Every structure is written in structure tokens, then in C-alpha cells.
PDB file of N, CA and C in Angstrom:
ATOM      1  N   MET A   1       3.839  17.533   7.105  1.00  0.00           N
ATOM      2  CA  MET A   1       3.160  16.252   7.092  1.00  0.00           C
ATOM      3  C   MET A   1       4.057  15.228   7.785  1.00  0.00           C
ATOM      4  N   THR A   2       3.467  14.462   8.685  1.00  0.00           N
ATOM      5  CA  THR A   2       4.249  13.468   9.404  1.00  0.00           C
ATOM      6  C   THR A   2       4.540  12.257   8.526  1.00  0.00           C
ATOM      7  N   THR A   3       5.475  11.456   8.959  1.00  0.00           N
ATOM      8  CA  THR A   3       5.843  10.260   8.204  1.00  0.00           C
ATOM      9  C   THR A   3       4.662   9.311   8.084  1.00  0.00           C
ATOM     10  N   GLY A   4       3.896   9.166   9.159  1.00  0.00           N
ATOM     11  CA  GLY A   4       2.750   8.261   9.135  1.00  0.00           C
ATOM     12  C   GLY A   4       1.690   8.688   8.147  1.00  0.00           C
ATOM     13  N   ARG A   5       1.389   9.977   8.117  1.00  0.00           N
ATOM     14  CA  ARG A   5       0.383  10.468   7.164  1.00  0.00           C
ATOM     15  C   ARG A   5       0.875  10.345   5.733  1.00  0.00           C
ATOM     16  N   LEU A   6       2.156  10.582   5.531  1.00  0.00           N
ATOM     17  CA  LEU A   6       2.729  10.414   4.194  1.00  0.00           C
ATOM     18  C   LEU A   6       2.637   8.953   3.760  1.00  0.00           C
ATOM     19  N   PHE A   7       2.908   8.031   4.674  1.00  0.00           N
ATOM     20  CA  PHE A   7       2.788   6.600   4.378  1.00  0.00           C
ATOM     21  C   PHE A   7       1.362   6.255   3.963  1.00  0.00           C
ATOM     22  N   ILE A   8       0.381   6.763   4.695  1.00  0.00           N
ATOM     23  CA  ILE A   8      -1.019   6.483   4.385  1.00  0.00           C
ATOM     24  C   ILE A   8      -1.388   7.025   3.009  1.00  0.00           C
ATOM     25  N   VAL A   9      -0.980   8.244   2.709  1.00  0.00           N
ATOM     26  CA  VAL A   9      -1.289   8.851   1.406  1.00  0.00           C
ATOM     27  C   VAL A   9      -0.633   8.056   0.272  1.00  0.00           C
ATOM     28  N   VAL A  10       0.629   7.688   0.456  1.00  0.00           N
ATOM     29  CA  VAL A  10       1.331   6.917  -0.573  1.00  0.00           C
ATOM     30  C   VAL A  10       0.670   5.558  -0.776  1.00  0.00           C
ATOM     31  N   MET A  11       0.273   4.903   0.291  1.00  0.00           N
ATOM     32  CA  MET A  11      -0.365   3.597   0.161  1.00  0.00           C
ATOM     33  C   MET A  11      -1.733   3.700  -0.512  1.00  0.00           C
ATOM     34  N   LEU A  12      -2.504   4.720  -0.191  1.00  0.00           N
ATOM     35  CA  LEU A  12      -3.802   4.882  -0.853  1.00  0.00           C
ATOM     36  C   LEU A  12      -3.622   5.207  -2.333  1.00  0.00           C
ATOM     37  N   ALA A  13      -2.612   6.016  -2.655  1.00  0.00           N
ATOM     38  CA  ALA A  13      -2.320   6.304  -4.058  1.00  0.00           C
ATOM     39  C   ALA A  13      -1.878   5.037  -4.791  1.00  0.00           C
ATOM     40  N   PHE A  14      -1.066   4.215  -4.117  1.00  0.00           N
ATOM     41  CA  PHE A  14      -0.673   2.944  -4.725  1.00  0.00           C
ATOM     42  C   PHE A  14      -1.890   2.062  -4.951  1.00  0.00           C
ATOM     43  N   GLY A  15      -2.802   2.032  -3.992  1.00  0.00           N
ATOM     44  CA  GLY A  15      -4.018   1.238  -4.160  1.00  0.00           C
ATOM     45  C   GLY A  15      -4.828   1.678  -5.361  1.00  0.00           C
ATOM     46  N   LEU A  16      -4.912   2.981  -5.572  1.00  0.00           N
ATOM     47  CA  LEU A  16      -5.642   3.506  -6.721  1.00  0.00           C
ATOM     48  C   LEU A  16      -4.973   3.092  -8.034  1.00  0.00           C
ATOM     49  N   VAL A  17      -3.659   3.274  -8.109  1.00  0.00           N
ATOM     50  CA  VAL A  17      -2.927   2.918  -9.334  1.00  0.00           C
ATOM     51  C   VAL A  17      -2.966   1.409  -9.572  1.00  0.00           C
ATOM     52  N   ALA A  18      -2.724   0.636  -8.537  1.00  0.00           N
ATOM     53  CA  ALA A  18      -2.726  -0.822  -8.687  1.00  0.00           C
ATOM     54  C   ALA A  18      -4.119  -1.331  -9.050  1.00  0.00           C
ATOM     55  N   GLY A  19      -5.147  -0.749  -8.465  1.00  0.00           N
ATOM     56  CA  GLY A  19      -6.513  -1.147  -8.796  1.00  0.00           C
ATOM     57  C   GLY A  19      -6.838  -0.889 -10.260  1.00  0.00           C
ATOM     58  N   LEU A  20      -6.433   0.274 -10.761  1.00  0.00           N
ATOM     59  CA  LEU A  20      -6.689   0.583 -12.168  1.00  0.00           C
ATOM     60  C   LEU A  20      -5.898  -0.330 -13.101  1.00  0.00           C
ATOM     61  N   VAL A  21      -4.647  -0.623 -12.744  1.00  0.00           N
ATOM     62  CA  VAL A  21      -3.836  -1.535 -13.567  1.00  0.00           C
ATOM     63  C   VAL A  21      -4.438  -2.936 -13.558  1.00  0.00           C
ATOM     64  N   LEU A  22      -4.809  -3.422 -12.386  1.00  0.00           N
ATOM     65  CA  LEU A  22      -5.378  -4.771 -12.292  1.00  0.00           C
ATOM     66  C   LEU A  22      -6.744  -4.860 -12.961  1.00  0.00           C
ATOM     67  N   ALA A  23      -7.517  -3.782 -12.918  1.00  0.00           N
ATOM     68  CA  ALA A  23      -8.833  -3.791 -13.559  1.00  0.00           C
ATOM     69  C   ALA A  23      -8.706  -3.851 -15.076  1.00  0.00           C
ATOM     70  N   ASN A  24      -7.662  -3.254 -15.626  1.00  0.00           N
ATOM     71  CA  ASN A  24      -7.478  -3.234 -17.076  1.00  0.00           C
ATOM     72  C   ASN A  24      -6.624  -4.384 -17.585  1.00  0.00           C
ATOM     73  N   SER A  25      -6.093  -5.207 -16.708  1.00  0.00           N
ATOM     74  CA  SER A  25      -5.226  -6.307 -17.117  1.00  0.00           C
ATOM     75  C   SER A  25      -5.694  -7.613 -16.463  1.00  0.00           C
ATOM     76  N   PRO A  26      -6.579  -8.344 -17.132  1.00  0.00           N
ATOM     77  CA  PRO A  26      -7.091  -9.588 -16.544  1.00  0.00           C
ATOM     78  C   PRO A  26      -6.003 -10.623 -16.253  1.00  0.00           C
ATOM     79  N   ALA A  27      -4.923 -10.613 -17.010  1.00  0.00           N
ATOM     80  CA  ALA A  27      -3.849 -11.586 -16.771  1.00  0.00           C
ATOM     81  C   ALA A  27      -3.212 -11.369 -15.401  1.00  0.00           C
ATOM     82  N   TRP A  28      -3.051 -10.120 -14.983  1.00  0.00           N
ATOM     83  CA  TRP A  28      -2.463  -9.829 -13.671  1.00  0.00           C
ATOM     84  C   TRP A  28      -3.487 -10.075 -12.576  1.00  0.00           C
ATOM     85  N   ARG A  29      -4.737  -9.747 -12.848  1.00  0.00           N
ATOM     86  CA  ARG A  29      -5.786  -9.893 -11.842  1.00  0.00           C
ATOM     87  C   ARG A  29      -6.020 -11.364 -11.510  1.00  0.00           C
ATOM     88  N   ASP A  30      -5.964 -12.222 -12.515  1.00  0.00           N
ATOM     89  CA  ASP A  30      -6.246 -13.643 -12.322  1.00  0.00           C
ATOM     90  C   ASP A  30      -4.973 -14.459 -12.154  1.00  0.00           C
ATOM     91  N   GLY A  31      -3.874 -13.823 -11.831  1.00  0.00           N
ATOM     92  CA  GLY A  31      -2.592 -14.509 -11.679  1.00  0.00           C
ATOM     93  C   GLY A  31      -2.524 -15.332 -10.405  1.00  0.00           C
ATOM     94  N   PRO A  32      -1.375 -15.951 -10.169  1.00  0.00           N
ATOM     95  CA  PRO A  32      -1.229 -16.818  -9.002  1.00  0.00           C
ATOM     96  C   PRO A  32      -1.180 -16.062  -7.670  1.00  0.00           C
ATOM     97  N   VAL A  33      -0.897 -14.758  -7.726  1.00  0.00           N
ATOM     98  CA  VAL A  33      -0.812 -13.953  -6.505  1.00  0.00           C
ATOM     99  C   VAL A  33      -2.081 -13.110  -6.387  1.00  0.00           C
ATOM    100  N   PRO A  34      -2.810 -13.219  -5.283  1.00  0.00           N
ATOM    101  CA  PRO A  34      -4.009 -12.391  -5.121  1.00  0.00           C
ATOM    102  C   PRO A  34      -3.651 -10.902  -5.166  1.00  0.00           C
ATOM    103  N   SER A  35      -4.551 -10.106  -5.690  1.00  0.00           N
ATOM    104  CA  SER A  35      -4.255  -8.686  -5.886  1.00  0.00           C
ATOM    105  C   SER A  35      -4.020  -7.941  -4.578  1.00  0.00           C
ATOM    106  N   VAL A  36      -4.587  -8.411  -3.497  1.00  0.00           N
ATOM    107  CA  VAL A  36      -4.415  -7.748  -2.199  1.00  0.00           C
ATOM    108  C   VAL A  36      -2.974  -7.892  -1.694  1.00  0.00           C
ATOM    109  N   VAL A  37      -2.287  -8.923  -2.118  1.00  0.00           N
ATOM    110  CA  VAL A  37      -0.909  -9.153  -1.679  1.00  0.00           C
ATOM    111  C   VAL A  37       0.013  -8.033  -2.161  1.00  0.00           C
ATOM    112  N   TRP A  38      -0.325  -7.399  -3.280  1.00  0.00           N
ATOM    113  CA  TRP A  38       0.485  -6.286  -3.775  1.00  0.00           C
ATOM    114  C   TRP A  38       0.544  -5.170  -2.743  1.00  0.00           C
ATOM    115  N   ALA A  39      -0.588  -4.874  -2.108  1.00  0.00           N
ATOM    116  CA  ALA A  39      -0.622  -3.819  -1.085  1.00  0.00           C
ATOM    117  C   ALA A  39       0.254  -4.192   0.106  1.00  0.00           C
ATOM    118  N   ILE A  40       0.218  -5.447   0.504  1.00  0.00           N
ATOM    119  CA  ILE A  40       1.027  -5.891   1.637  1.00  0.00           C
ATOM    120  C   ILE A  40       2.519  -5.805   1.300  1.00  0.00           C
ATOM    121  N   ALA A  41       2.885  -6.240   0.103  1.00  0.00           N
ATOM    122  CA  ALA A  41       4.299  -6.234  -0.302  1.00  0.00           C
ATOM    123  C   ALA A  41       4.850  -4.815  -0.405  1.00  0.00           C
ATOM    124  N   VAL A  42       4.095  -3.923  -1.019  1.00  0.00           N
ATOM    125  CA  VAL A  42       4.569  -2.535  -1.163  1.00  0.00           C
ATOM    126  C   VAL A  42       4.606  -1.854   0.197  1.00  0.00           C
ATOM    127  N   GLY A  43       3.595  -2.101   1.026  1.00  0.00           N
ATOM    128  CA  GLY A  43       3.587  -1.527   2.371  1.00  0.00           C
ATOM    129  C   GLY A  43       4.779  -1.990   3.189  1.00  0.00           C
ATOM    130  N   PHE A  44       5.130  -3.261   3.064  1.00  0.00           N
ATOM    131  CA  PHE A  44       6.282  -3.791   3.780  1.00  0.00           C
ATOM    132  C   PHE A  44       7.577  -3.142   3.310  1.00  0.00           C
ATOM    133  N   ALA A  45       7.722  -2.988   1.987  1.00  0.00           N
ATOM    134  CA  ALA A  45       8.941  -2.378   1.445  1.00  0.00           C
ATOM    135  C   ALA A  45       9.077  -0.919   1.897  1.00  0.00           C
ATOM    136  N   ILE A  46       7.987  -0.174   1.844  1.00  0.00           N
ATOM    137  CA  ILE A  46       8.035   1.226   2.277  1.00  0.00           C
ATOM    138  C   ILE A  46       8.295   1.307   3.775  1.00  0.00           C
ATOM    139  N   ASP A  47       7.693   0.403   4.535  1.00  0.00           N
ATOM    140  CA  ASP A  47       7.909   0.383   5.977  1.00  0.00           C
ATOM    141  C   ASP A  47       9.372   0.111   6.310  1.00  0.00           C
ATOM    142  N   LEU A  48      10.008  -0.797   5.581  1.00  0.00           N
ATOM    143  CA  LEU A  48      11.435  -1.052   5.803  1.00  0.00           C
ATOM    144  C   LEU A  48      12.267   0.195   5.531  1.00  0.00           C
ATOM    145  N   LEU A  49      11.930   0.916   4.481  1.00  0.00           N
ATOM    146  CA  LEU A  49      12.642   2.152   4.166  1.00  0.00           C
ATOM    147  C   LEU A  49      12.456   3.188   5.269  1.00  0.00           C
ATOM    148  N   ILE A  50      11.234   3.318   5.765  1.00  0.00           N
ATOM    149  CA  ILE A  50      10.965   4.289   6.833  1.00  0.00           C
ATOM    150  C   ILE A  50      11.688   3.891   8.115  1.00  0.00           C
ATOM    151  N   GLN A  51      11.707   2.615   8.443  1.00  0.00           N
ATOM    152  CA  GLN A  51      12.400   2.166   9.657  1.00  0.00           C
ATOM    153  C   GLN A  51      13.902   2.407   9.551  1.00  0.00           C
ATOM    154  N   TRP A  52      14.461   2.222   8.369  1.00  0.00           N
ATOM    155  CA  TRP A  52      15.884   2.496   8.154  1.00  0.00           C
ATOM    156  C   TRP A  52      16.179   3.974   8.372  1.00  0.00           C
ATOM    157  N   ARG A  53      15.301   4.852   7.827  1.00  0.00           N
ATOM    158  CA  ARG A  53      15.472   6.293   8.013  1.00  0.00           C
ATOM    159  C   ARG A  53      15.259   6.689   9.477  1.00  0.00           C
ATOM    160  N   ALA A  54      14.342   6.014  10.162  1.00  0.00           N
ATOM    161  CA  ALA A  54      14.093   6.314  11.580  1.00  0.00           C
ATOM    162  C   ALA A  54      15.301   5.928  12.431  1.00  0.00           C
ATOM    163  N   ALA A  55      15.966   4.849  12.073  1.00  0.00           N
ATOM    164  CA  ALA A  55      17.157   4.432  12.816  1.00  0.00           C
ATOM    165  C   ALA A  55      18.286   5.453  12.678  1.00  0.00           C
ATOM    166  N   GLN A  56      18.302   6.173  11.573  1.00  0.00           N
ATOM    167  CA  GLN A  56      19.297   7.226  11.361  1.00  0.00           C
ATOM    168  C   GLN A  56      18.877   8.545  11.996  1.00  0.00           C
ATOM    169  N   GLY A  57      17.654   8.609  12.495  1.00  0.00           N
ATOM    170  CA  GLY A  57      17.146   9.830  13.101  1.00  0.00           C
ATOM    171  C   GLY A  57      16.596  10.836  12.105  1.00  0.00           C
ATOM    172  N   LYS A  58      16.337  10.396  10.883  1.00  0.00           N
ATOM    173  CA  LYS A  58      15.860  11.301   9.835  1.00  0.00           C
ATOM    174  C   LYS A  58      14.361  11.220   9.604  1.00  0.00           C
ATOM    175  N   ALA A  59      13.673  10.324  10.286  1.00  0.00           N
ATOM    176  CA  ALA A  59      12.219  10.182  10.129  1.00  0.00           C
ATOM    177  C   ALA A  59      11.642   9.624  11.425  1.00  0.00           C
ATOM    178  N   GLU A  60      10.343   9.780  11.580  1.00  0.00           N
ATOM    179  CA  GLU A  60       9.651   9.192  12.724  1.00  0.00           C
ATOM    180  C   GLU A  60       9.258   7.754  12.380  1.00  0.00           C
ATOM    181  N   PRO A  61       9.355   6.830  13.320  1.00  0.00           N
ATOM    182  CA  PRO A  61       8.882   5.472  13.025  1.00  0.00           C
ATOM    183  C   PRO A  61       7.360   5.448  12.916  1.00  0.00           C
ATOM    184  N   LEU A  62       6.863   4.497  12.154  1.00  0.00           N
ATOM    185  CA  LEU A  62       5.424   4.357  11.995  1.00  0.00           C
ATOM    186  C   LEU A  62       4.813   3.682  13.206  1.00  0.00           C
ATOM    187  N   THR A  63       3.577   4.047  13.522  1.00  0.00           N
ATOM    188  CA  THR A  63       2.833   3.330  14.550  1.00  0.00           C
ATOM    189  C   THR A  63       2.074   2.183  13.881  1.00  0.00           C
ATOM    190  N   MET A  64       1.609   1.254  14.668  1.00  0.00           N
ATOM    191  CA  MET A  64       0.841   0.135  14.108  1.00  0.00           C
ATOM    192  C   MET A  64      -0.455   0.629  13.483  1.00  0.00           C
ATOM    193  N   ASN A  65      -1.062   1.661  14.066  1.00  0.00           N
ATOM    194  CA  ASN A  65      -2.296   2.204  13.491  1.00  0.00           C
ATOM    195  C   ASN A  65      -2.045   2.770  12.100  1.00  0.00           C
ATOM    196  N   GLU A  66      -0.938   3.476  11.917  1.00  0.00           N
ATOM    197  CA  GLU A  66      -0.612   4.036  10.606  1.00  0.00           C
ATOM    198  C   GLU A  66      -0.351   2.933   9.587  1.00  0.00           C
ATOM    199  N   ARG A  67       0.341   1.894  10.009  1.00  0.00           N
ATOM    200  CA  ARG A  67       0.582   0.757   9.113  1.00  0.00           C
ATOM    201  C   ARG A  67      -0.740   0.111   8.709  1.00  0.00           C
ATOM    202  N   ALA A  68      -1.597  -0.122   9.689  1.00  0.00           N
ATOM    203  CA  ALA A  68      -2.873  -0.791   9.419  1.00  0.00           C
ATOM    204  C   ALA A  68      -3.745   0.045   8.493  1.00  0.00           C
ATOM    205  N   ILE A  69      -3.859   1.331   8.761  1.00  0.00           N
ATOM    206  CA  ILE A  69      -4.692   2.192   7.923  1.00  0.00           C
ATOM    207  C   ILE A  69      -4.153   2.227   6.493  1.00  0.00           C
ATOM    208  N   GLY A  70      -2.847   2.347   6.339  1.00  0.00           N
ATOM    209  CA  GLY A  70      -2.254   2.409   5.004  1.00  0.00           C
ATOM    210  C   GLY A  70      -2.427   1.125   4.218  1.00  0.00           C
ATOM    211  N   ILE A  71      -2.090  -0.004   4.829  1.00  0.00           N
ATOM    212  CA  ILE A  71      -2.124  -1.277   4.104  1.00  0.00           C
ATOM    213  C   ILE A  71      -3.551  -1.759   3.890  1.00  0.00           C
ATOM    214  N   ILE A  72      -4.380  -1.707   4.921  1.00  0.00           N
ATOM    215  CA  ILE A  72      -5.764  -2.154   4.762  1.00  0.00           C
ATOM    216  C   ILE A  72      -6.523  -1.209   3.830  1.00  0.00           C
ATOM    217  N   GLY A  73      -6.274   0.094   3.956  1.00  0.00           N
ATOM    218  CA  GLY A  73      -6.922   1.042   3.049  1.00  0.00           C
ATOM    219  C   GLY A  73      -6.544   0.793   1.602  1.00  0.00           C
ATOM    220  N   SER A  74      -5.269   0.550   1.354  1.00  0.00           N
ATOM    221  CA  SER A  74      -4.802   0.266   0.007  1.00  0.00           C
ATOM    222  C   SER A  74      -5.430  -1.018  -0.530  1.00  0.00           C
ATOM    223  N   ALA A  75      -5.483  -2.048   0.293  1.00  0.00           N
ATOM    224  CA  ALA A  75      -6.088  -3.307  -0.124  1.00  0.00           C
ATOM    225  C   ALA A  75      -7.578  -3.131  -0.429  1.00  0.00           C
ATOM    226  N   LEU A  76      -8.274  -2.327   0.374  1.00  0.00           N
ATOM    227  CA  LEU A  76      -9.700  -2.085   0.116  1.00  0.00           C
ATOM    228  C   LEU A  76      -9.905  -1.305  -1.174  1.00  0.00           C
ATOM    229  N   VAL A  77      -9.052  -0.327  -1.438  1.00  0.00           N
ATOM    230  CA  VAL A  77      -9.163   0.440  -2.686  1.00  0.00           C
ATOM    231  C   VAL A  77      -8.953  -0.487  -3.883  1.00  0.00           C
ATOM    232  N   ILE A  78      -7.955  -1.338  -3.816  1.00  0.00           N
ATOM    233  CA  ILE A  78      -7.705  -2.292  -4.905  1.00  0.00           C
ATOM    234  C   ILE A  78      -8.913  -3.197  -5.092  1.00  0.00           C
ATOM    235  N   THR A  79      -9.429  -3.742  -4.011  1.00  0.00           N
ATOM    236  CA  THR A  79     -10.555  -4.670  -4.087  1.00  0.00           C
ATOM    237  C   THR A  79     -11.796  -4.003  -4.680  1.00  0.00           C
ATOM    238  N   VAL A  80     -12.097  -2.792  -4.244  1.00  0.00           N
ATOM    239  CA  VAL A  80     -13.289  -2.088  -4.737  1.00  0.00           C
ATOM    240  C   VAL A  80     -13.152  -1.767  -6.225  1.00  0.00           C
ATOM    241  N   ILE A  81     -11.995  -1.285  -6.649  1.00  0.00           N
ATOM    242  CA  ILE A  81     -11.818  -0.954  -8.059  1.00  0.00           C
ATOM    243  C   ILE A  81     -11.917  -2.195  -8.930  1.00  0.00           C
ATOM    244  N   VAL A  82     -11.286  -3.286  -8.529  1.00  0.00           N
ATOM    245  CA  VAL A  82     -11.335  -4.517  -9.328  1.00  0.00           C
ATOM    246  C   VAL A  82     -12.759  -5.080  -9.344  1.00  0.00           C
ATOM    247  N   ALA A  83     -13.475  -4.975  -8.244  1.00  0.00           N
ATOM    248  CA  ALA A  83     -14.834  -5.502  -8.182  1.00  0.00           C
ATOM    249  C   ALA A  83     -15.808  -4.683  -9.035  1.00  0.00           C
ATOM    250  N   LEU A  84     -15.588  -3.385  -9.125  1.00  0.00           N
ATOM    251  CA  LEU A  84     -16.520  -2.544  -9.880  1.00  0.00           C
ATOM    252  C   LEU A  84     -16.279  -2.565 -11.377  1.00  0.00           C
ATOM    253  N   VAL A  85     -15.099  -2.989 -11.792  1.00  0.00           N
ATOM    254  CA  VAL A  85     -14.794  -2.972 -13.234  1.00  0.00           C
ATOM    255  C   VAL A  85     -14.979  -4.335 -13.834  1.00  0.00           C
TER     256      VAL A  85
END
């Protein structure tokens, strides 16, 4: 599995977990930070880790398409789960 596909899978899994947590916790859902920002923050942190590993030659750098699919997909999963519950 390539680094990009692993990033996408991890981000979608995070979206699922974060969506379920936010759906069951109204205090977090209605907090000062919109729930979609969680996907952006986690995606950024993972991307920094991948870029650090890529600089060492131990991983492939992510493409913009992989970043977009992972972060937007995660945000959509969070939004759909919170909206349906």
C-alpha cells in the first residue's frame, strides 16, 4: 500500500471515529471549533509526519490529490454522521 492510500484510509477512519464521537457528545459538536476543522488539523499533522519521513527517504511524499481526497473525505464523513444523528 502506498503512502497516499494509507493516508486516505487513515483519514477516512478518523472521520468515522470523530463523527461518532461528535454525534454522541453535543458539547463537542456545539463547541467553538467547527467539527470539520478536526479533519483539517489531523490531516495537517499526519501530512507533516509523512513529509518528515519523505525527507529522510523512508516514505513517498503525498500528492495534492491524495491530501484533498483524505481531508475532504474525512470532513464529509464527519458531516454526514453528525447530520444523521
